[in-house]
Amino acid sequence: MSSAAFTMYSTPWCGYCHRLKSQLDREGIVFEIVDIEQEPAAAQIVEKVNNGNQTVPTLVYSDGTAMTNPSLAQVKEKLASLA
């Protein structure tokens, strides 16, 4: 089991993904990252959460909830609620 509280589903070309990843890294927040272009099963997870769309970044938390393109503040608030 990973110590990450969430998984970020992403693509290499997604600017929003790169921005959020760098913000999370600066805050020292541990997470897993999955490239939906390399993992077809991950793309299906993203589509399920986003009404059939492959919208990234999509974050899926340890409690099973998800957020699409959240702000750093939204992520930190969610992590606090999980703690």
N, C-alpha and C. Protein backbone atom coordinates (compact mmCIF):
# COMPACT_ATOMS: atom_id res chain seq x y z
N MET A 1 0.84 -1.20 0.00
CA MET A 1 0.00 0.00 0.00
C MET A 1 0.88 1.25 0.00
N SER A 2 0.53 2.17 -0.84
CA SER A 2 1.29 3.41 -0.96
C SER A 2 0.95 4.36 0.18
N SER A 3 1.87 5.24 0.51
CA SER A 3 1.60 6.26 1.52
C SER A 3 0.91 7.48 0.89
N ALA A 4 0.72 7.46 -0.42
CA ALA A 4 0.07 8.57 -1.10
C ALA A 4 -1.42 8.60 -0.74
N ALA A 5 -1.94 9.81 -0.51
CA ALA A 5 -3.35 9.97 -0.17
C ALA A 5 -4.22 10.05 -1.41
N PHE A 6 -3.58 10.25 -2.57
CA PHE A 6 -4.35 10.30 -3.81
C PHE A 6 -3.48 9.95 -5.00
N THR A 7 -4.16 9.67 -6.10
CA THR A 7 -3.51 9.42 -7.38
C THR A 7 -3.93 10.54 -8.33
N MET A 8 -2.95 11.12 -9.03
CA MET A 8 -3.25 12.12 -10.05
C MET A 8 -3.17 11.43 -11.41
N TYR A 9 -4.27 11.48 -12.13
CA TYR A 9 -4.31 10.98 -13.50
C TYR A 9 -4.00 12.16 -14.41
N SER A 10 -3.06 11.95 -15.32
CA SER A 10 -2.46 13.04 -16.06
C SER A 10 -2.09 12.61 -17.48
N THR A 11 -1.62 13.57 -18.27
CA THR A 11 -0.98 13.29 -19.56
C THR A 11 0.29 14.13 -19.63
N PRO A 12 1.26 13.72 -20.46
CA PRO A 12 2.52 14.48 -20.55
C PRO A 12 2.33 15.90 -21.08
N TRP A 13 1.29 16.14 -21.87
CA TRP A 13 1.11 17.44 -22.53
C TRP A 13 0.17 18.38 -21.78
N CYS A 14 -0.35 17.97 -20.63
CA CYS A 14 -1.34 18.75 -19.89
C CYS A 14 -0.68 19.83 -19.04
N GLY A 15 -0.87 21.08 -19.42
CA GLY A 15 -0.29 22.20 -18.68
C GLY A 15 -0.83 22.32 -17.27
N TYR A 16 -2.14 22.09 -17.10
CA TYR A 16 -2.75 22.15 -15.76
C TYR A 16 -2.15 21.08 -14.86
N CYS A 17 -1.87 19.91 -15.44
CA CYS A 17 -1.27 18.81 -14.67
C CYS A 17 0.13 19.19 -14.20
N HIS A 18 0.93 19.76 -15.10
CA HIS A 18 2.30 20.16 -14.75
C HIS A 18 2.28 21.22 -13.64
N ARG A 19 1.36 22.19 -13.75
CA ARG A 19 1.29 23.26 -12.75
C ARG A 19 0.92 22.68 -11.38
N LEU A 20 -0.13 21.84 -11.34
CA LEU A 20 -0.56 21.28 -10.06
C LEU A 20 0.53 20.38 -9.47
N LYS A 21 1.18 19.58 -10.33
CA LYS A 21 2.25 18.69 -9.85
C LYS A 21 3.37 19.50 -9.20
N SER A 22 3.78 20.60 -9.83
CA SER A 22 4.87 21.40 -9.26
C SER A 22 4.44 22.06 -7.96
N GLN A 23 3.18 22.49 -7.86
CA GLN A 23 2.68 23.08 -6.61
C GLN A 23 2.67 22.03 -5.49
N LEU A 24 2.20 20.82 -5.80
CA LEU A 24 2.16 19.75 -4.81
C LEU A 24 3.57 19.36 -4.37
N ASP A 25 4.49 19.28 -5.33
CA ASP A 25 5.89 18.95 -5.01
C ASP A 25 6.49 20.00 -4.07
N ARG A 26 6.23 21.28 -4.35
CA ARG A 26 6.74 22.37 -3.50
C ARG A 26 6.20 22.27 -2.08
N GLU A 27 4.97 21.79 -1.94
CA GLU A 27 4.34 21.65 -0.62
C GLU A 27 4.76 20.36 0.08
N GLY A 28 5.49 19.50 -0.63
CA GLY A 28 5.92 18.24 -0.04
C GLY A 28 4.80 17.21 0.09
N ILE A 29 3.77 17.36 -0.73
CA ILE A 29 2.62 16.45 -0.69
C ILE A 29 2.94 15.21 -1.54
N VAL A 30 2.78 14.03 -0.94
CA VAL A 30 3.11 12.77 -1.61
C VAL A 30 1.88 12.28 -2.37
N PHE A 31 2.09 11.93 -3.64
CA PHE A 31 1.00 11.41 -4.45
C PHE A 31 1.56 10.52 -5.54
N GLU A 32 0.69 9.71 -6.10
CA GLU A 32 1.07 8.89 -7.25
C GLU A 32 0.60 9.61 -8.50
N ILE A 33 1.32 9.42 -9.59
CA ILE A 33 0.91 10.00 -10.86
C ILE A 33 0.80 8.90 -11.90
N VAL A 34 -0.28 8.92 -12.67
CA VAL A 34 -0.52 7.90 -13.68
C VAL A 34 -0.82 8.59 -15.00
N ASP A 35 -0.08 8.22 -16.04
CA ASP A 35 -0.27 8.76 -17.39
C ASP A 35 -1.38 7.96 -18.06
N ILE A 36 -2.53 8.60 -18.30
CA ILE A 36 -3.67 7.88 -18.87
C ILE A 36 -3.43 7.46 -20.33
N GLU A 37 -2.44 8.07 -20.98
CA GLU A 37 -2.12 7.65 -22.35
C GLU A 37 -1.34 6.34 -22.36
N GLN A 38 -0.67 6.03 -21.25
CA GLN A 38 0.10 4.78 -21.14
C GLN A 38 -0.69 3.67 -20.46
N GLU A 39 -1.73 4.02 -19.74
CA GLU A 39 -2.51 3.07 -18.93
C GLU A 39 -3.99 3.12 -19.34
N PRO A 40 -4.43 2.26 -20.25
CA PRO A 40 -5.83 2.29 -20.69
C PRO A 40 -6.83 2.15 -19.55
N ALA A 41 -6.51 1.35 -18.54
CA ALA A 41 -7.42 1.19 -17.40
C ALA A 41 -7.57 2.51 -16.64
N ALA A 42 -6.48 3.28 -16.56
CA ALA A 42 -6.53 4.58 -15.88
C ALA A 42 -7.41 5.55 -16.67
N ALA A 43 -7.34 5.51 -17.99
CA ALA A 43 -8.19 6.36 -18.82
C ALA A 43 -9.66 6.05 -18.56
N GLN A 44 -9.98 4.78 -18.34
CA GLN A 44 -11.36 4.39 -18.05
C GLN A 44 -11.82 4.95 -16.71
N ILE A 45 -10.92 4.96 -15.72
CA ILE A 45 -11.24 5.53 -14.41
C ILE A 45 -11.57 7.01 -14.57
N VAL A 46 -10.74 7.73 -15.32
CA VAL A 46 -10.95 9.16 -15.54
C VAL A 46 -12.27 9.41 -16.26
N GLU A 47 -12.56 8.60 -17.27
CA GLU A 47 -13.83 8.75 -18.00
C GLU A 47 -15.02 8.52 -17.08
N LYS A 48 -14.93 7.52 -16.20
CA LYS A 48 -16.02 7.21 -15.28
C LYS A 48 -16.31 8.40 -14.36
N VAL A 49 -15.25 9.01 -13.85
CA VAL A 49 -15.39 10.15 -12.92
C VAL A 49 -15.90 11.39 -13.64
N ASN A 50 -15.57 11.54 -14.92
CA ASN A 50 -15.85 12.78 -15.66
C ASN A 50 -16.90 12.60 -16.77
N ASN A 51 -17.89 11.77 -16.50
CA ASN A 51 -19.02 11.61 -17.43
C ASN A 51 -18.58 11.28 -18.85
N GLY A 52 -17.59 10.38 -18.98
CA GLY A 52 -17.14 9.93 -20.29
C GLY A 52 -16.00 10.73 -20.89
N ASN A 53 -15.58 11.80 -20.23
CA ASN A 53 -14.50 12.64 -20.75
C ASN A 53 -13.17 12.28 -20.10
N GLN A 54 -12.10 12.39 -20.89
CA GLN A 54 -10.75 12.17 -20.37
C GLN A 54 -10.17 13.51 -19.92
N THR A 55 -10.76 14.08 -18.87
CA THR A 55 -10.34 15.38 -18.36
C THR A 55 -9.27 15.19 -17.30
N VAL A 56 -8.13 15.86 -17.49
CA VAL A 56 -7.03 15.78 -16.53
C VAL A 56 -6.59 17.19 -16.16
N PRO A 57 -6.02 17.39 -14.96
CA PRO A 57 -5.77 16.35 -13.97
C PRO A 57 -7.04 15.93 -13.24
N THR A 58 -7.17 14.63 -13.05
CA THR A 58 -8.21 14.09 -12.19
C THR A 58 -7.51 13.44 -11.01
N LEU A 59 -7.91 13.82 -9.81
CA LEU A 59 -7.33 13.26 -8.59
C LEU A 59 -8.36 12.33 -7.96
N VAL A 60 -7.92 11.10 -7.63
CA VAL A 60 -8.78 10.16 -6.92
C VAL A 60 -8.14 9.91 -5.56
N TYR A 61 -8.91 10.19 -4.52
CA TYR A 61 -8.41 10.12 -3.14
C TYR A 61 -8.59 8.73 -2.54
N SER A 62 -7.92 8.53 -1.41
CA SER A 62 -7.94 7.23 -0.73
C SER A 62 -9.35 6.83 -0.28
N ASP A 63 -10.25 7.81 -0.14
CA ASP A 63 -11.63 7.50 0.27
C ASP A 63 -12.54 7.22 -0.93
N GLY A 64 -11.95 7.24 -2.15
CA GLY A 64 -12.72 6.94 -3.35
C GLY A 64 -13.34 8.15 -4.03
N THR A 65 -13.25 9.32 -3.40
CA THR A 65 -13.79 10.52 -4.02
C THR A 65 -12.79 11.05 -5.05
N ALA A 66 -13.27 11.93 -5.93
CA ALA A 66 -12.42 12.46 -6.99
C ALA A 66 -12.64 13.95 -7.17
N MET A 67 -11.61 14.63 -7.70
CA MET A 67 -11.70 16.04 -8.08
C MET A 67 -11.06 16.18 -9.46
N THR A 68 -11.66 17.04 -10.27
CA THR A 68 -11.11 17.32 -11.59
C THR A 68 -10.55 18.73 -11.61
N ASN A 69 -9.28 18.84 -11.98
CA ASN A 69 -8.56 20.12 -12.07
C ASN A 69 -8.74 20.98 -10.82
N PRO A 70 -8.46 20.41 -9.63
CA PRO A 70 -8.62 21.20 -8.40
C PRO A 70 -7.47 22.18 -8.22
N SER A 71 -7.72 23.19 -7.40
CA SER A 71 -6.65 24.11 -7.00
C SER A 71 -5.84 23.46 -5.89
N LEU A 72 -4.66 24.01 -5.63
CA LEU A 72 -3.83 23.52 -4.53
C LEU A 72 -4.60 23.63 -3.21
N ALA A 73 -5.33 24.74 -3.03
CA ALA A 73 -6.10 24.94 -1.79
C ALA A 73 -7.17 23.85 -1.64
N GLN A 74 -7.84 23.49 -2.73
CA GLN A 74 -8.85 22.43 -2.67
C GLN A 74 -8.23 21.09 -2.29
N VAL A 75 -7.05 20.81 -2.85
CA VAL A 75 -6.36 19.55 -2.54
C VAL A 75 -5.97 19.53 -1.06
N LYS A 76 -5.41 20.63 -0.57
CA LYS A 76 -4.98 20.67 0.83
C LYS A 76 -6.18 20.54 1.77
N GLU A 77 -7.30 21.16 1.42
CA GLU A 77 -8.51 21.06 2.24
C GLU A 77 -9.01 19.62 2.27
N LYS A 78 -9.00 18.95 1.12
CA LYS A 78 -9.43 17.56 1.05
C LYS A 78 -8.51 16.66 1.88
N LEU A 79 -7.21 16.86 1.76
CA LEU A 79 -6.25 16.06 2.51
C LEU A 79 -6.44 16.25 4.02
N ALA A 80 -6.74 17.48 4.43
CA ALA A 80 -6.98 17.75 5.86
C ALA A 80 -8.21 16.98 6.33
N SER A 81 -9.23 16.88 5.49
CA SER A 81 -10.45 16.17 5.87
C SER A 81 -10.22 14.65 5.95
N LEU A 82 -9.22 14.16 5.23
CA LEU A 82 -8.90 12.73 5.25
C LEU A 82 -8.03 12.35 6.44
N ALA A 83 -7.31 13.33 6.98
CA ALA A 83 -6.34 13.06 8.05
C ALA A 83 -7.02 12.67 9.35
